[in-house]
Protein backbone atom coordinates (compact mmCIF):
# COMPACT_ATOMS: atom_id res chain seq x y z
CA MET A 1 115.18 1.47 198.30
CA LEU A 2 118.65 3.00 198.25
CA CYS A 3 120.00 -0.10 200.02
CA LEU A 4 118.56 -2.37 197.32
CA VAL A 5 120.17 -0.33 194.55
CA LEU A 6 123.54 -0.35 196.32
CA LEU A 7 123.27 -4.07 197.02
CA ARG A 8 122.48 -4.78 193.38
CA LEU A 9 125.40 -2.64 192.17
CA ASN A 10 127.65 -4.46 194.62
CA ASN A 11 126.53 -7.87 193.24
CA ILE A 12 127.20 -6.71 189.66
CA MET A 13 130.72 -5.57 190.60
CA VAL A 14 131.46 -8.85 192.40
CA ASN A 15 130.30 -10.86 189.36
CA LYS A 16 132.53 -8.81 187.03
CA ILE A 17 135.54 -9.35 189.31
CA LYS A 18 134.87 -13.11 189.43
CA LYS A 19 134.71 -13.29 185.62
CA THR A 20 137.99 -11.45 185.11
CA LYS A 21 139.96 -13.57 187.58
CA ARG A 22 139.58 -16.88 185.72
CA LYS A 23 142.77 -18.82 185.10
CA ASP A 24 143.88 -19.85 181.63
CA PRO A 25 142.98 -23.43 180.71
CA LYS A 26 145.77 -25.97 180.92
CA VAL A 27 148.08 -26.17 177.93
CA GLY A 28 147.10 -28.94 175.54
CA THR A 29 143.37 -28.88 176.21
CA GLY A 30 142.71 -26.99 172.98
CA LYS A 31 140.60 -24.36 174.72
CA LYS A 32 141.30 -20.69 174.07
CA PRO A 33 141.13 -18.36 177.05
CA LYS A 34 139.67 -14.90 176.51
CA GLY A 35 142.27 -12.40 175.43
CA SER A 36 144.77 -15.09 174.48
CA SER A 37 146.32 -15.88 171.14
CA ARG A 38 146.14 -19.65 171.66
CA ARG A 39 143.58 -21.30 169.43
CA LEU A 40 141.81 -24.62 169.13
CA TYR A 41 143.97 -27.28 167.44
CA THR A 42 147.18 -25.30 167.69
CA ASP A 43 150.41 -27.21 167.87
CA GLU A 44 151.42 -26.32 171.41
CA ASN A 45 154.41 -28.70 171.39
CA PRO A 46 155.92 -28.72 167.89
CA LYS A 47 158.90 -30.83 169.02
CA ASP A 48 156.51 -33.75 169.59
CA THR A 49 154.84 -33.47 166.16
CA VAL A 50 155.20 -36.34 163.68
CA LYS A 51 154.93 -35.09 160.12
CA ILE A 52 152.97 -37.38 157.81
CA LYS A 53 153.00 -37.46 154.02
CA PHE A 54 150.54 -39.48 151.96
CA LYS A 55 150.32 -37.76 148.61
CA THR A 56 151.50 -40.92 146.86
CA PRO A 57 151.61 -44.55 148.01
CA ALA A 58 155.40 -44.24 148.22
CA ASP A 59 155.02 -41.29 150.62
CA ALA A 60 152.56 -43.33 152.67
CA ARG A 61 155.03 -46.23 152.92
CA GLU A 62 157.76 -43.83 154.07
CA THR A 63 155.41 -42.44 156.72
CA VAL A 64 154.59 -45.96 157.91
CA LYS A 65 158.31 -46.73 158.23
CA LYS A 66 158.82 -43.53 160.21
CA VAL A 67 155.88 -44.27 162.53
CA LYS A 68 157.16 -47.78 163.23
CA LYS A 69 160.62 -46.41 164.14
CA ILE A 70 159.60 -43.54 166.43
CA SER A 71 159.76 -44.03 170.17
CA LYS A 72 156.14 -43.24 170.96
CA PRO A 73 153.57 -45.39 172.77
CA PHE A 74 151.51 -47.90 170.79
CA ALA A 75 148.34 -45.80 171.07
CA ARG A 76 150.10 -42.74 169.62
CA LYS A 77 151.38 -44.74 166.64
CA ILE A 78 147.87 -46.06 165.95
CA GLN A 79 146.53 -42.53 166.27
CA ILE A 80 149.01 -41.19 163.70
CA LEU A 81 148.17 -43.94 161.23
CA THR A 82 144.44 -43.40 161.80
CA VAL A 83 144.80 -39.71 160.97
CA MET A 84 146.59 -40.64 157.76
CA GLU A 85 143.95 -43.25 156.92
CA GLN A 86 140.99 -40.94 157.55
CA ARG A 87 142.45 -38.03 155.61
CA ALA A 88 143.33 -40.27 152.66
CA LYS A 89 139.85 -41.78 152.74
CA VAL A 90 138.24 -38.34 152.46
CA MET A 91 140.59 -37.49 149.59
CA GLY A 92 139.69 -40.70 147.77
CA LYS A 93 143.18 -42.25 147.95
CA ASN A 94 142.15 -45.87 148.40
CA GLU A 95 145.63 -47.34 147.99
CA VAL A 96 146.98 -45.14 150.78
CA VAL A 97 144.03 -46.18 152.97
CA LYS A 98 144.94 -49.83 152.43
CA ILE A 99 148.59 -49.14 153.32
CA ALA A 100 147.57 -47.37 156.56
CA LYS A 101 145.11 -50.11 157.55
CA LYS A 102 147.68 -52.83 156.91
CA ALA A 103 150.28 -50.96 158.96
CA LYS A 104 147.82 -50.54 161.85
CA GLN A 105 147.01 -54.24 161.79
CA THR A 106 150.72 -55.10 161.77
CA LEU A 107 151.29 -52.85 164.78
CA ARG A 108 148.35 -54.42 166.62
CA ASN A 109 149.61 -57.94 165.97
CA LYS A 110 153.12 -57.01 167.08
CA ASN A 111 151.74 -55.35 170.23
CA LYS A 112 149.59 -58.42 171.01
CA LYS A 113 152.62 -60.71 170.81
CA ALA A 114 154.68 -58.36 173.01
CA THR A 115 152.01 -58.18 175.72
CA SER A 116 151.25 -61.91 175.70
């Protein structure tokens, strides 16, 4: 009986030690380790951030120009424009949505010609 109690206590202690020795998740995964200040959707690399403005159609056109000029991969440019499009769509800014869609299509056509 005493052996069973000691064995059970030993298992509980081992489980607690295993739980406390977990490594932090890799940076950029968006997961927050216990006891850490990192949060989901934090900007872990602010140098890489592309700021977008789409309050007015003029702001949206400026953002499109900026996205076309930056030296990022094609997929990242499409991703930035998609974020702008989706946010504008939710806000009811239909003209900005059209600008973003047109810019995405232009990028796709340009990319198709470059890869062909």
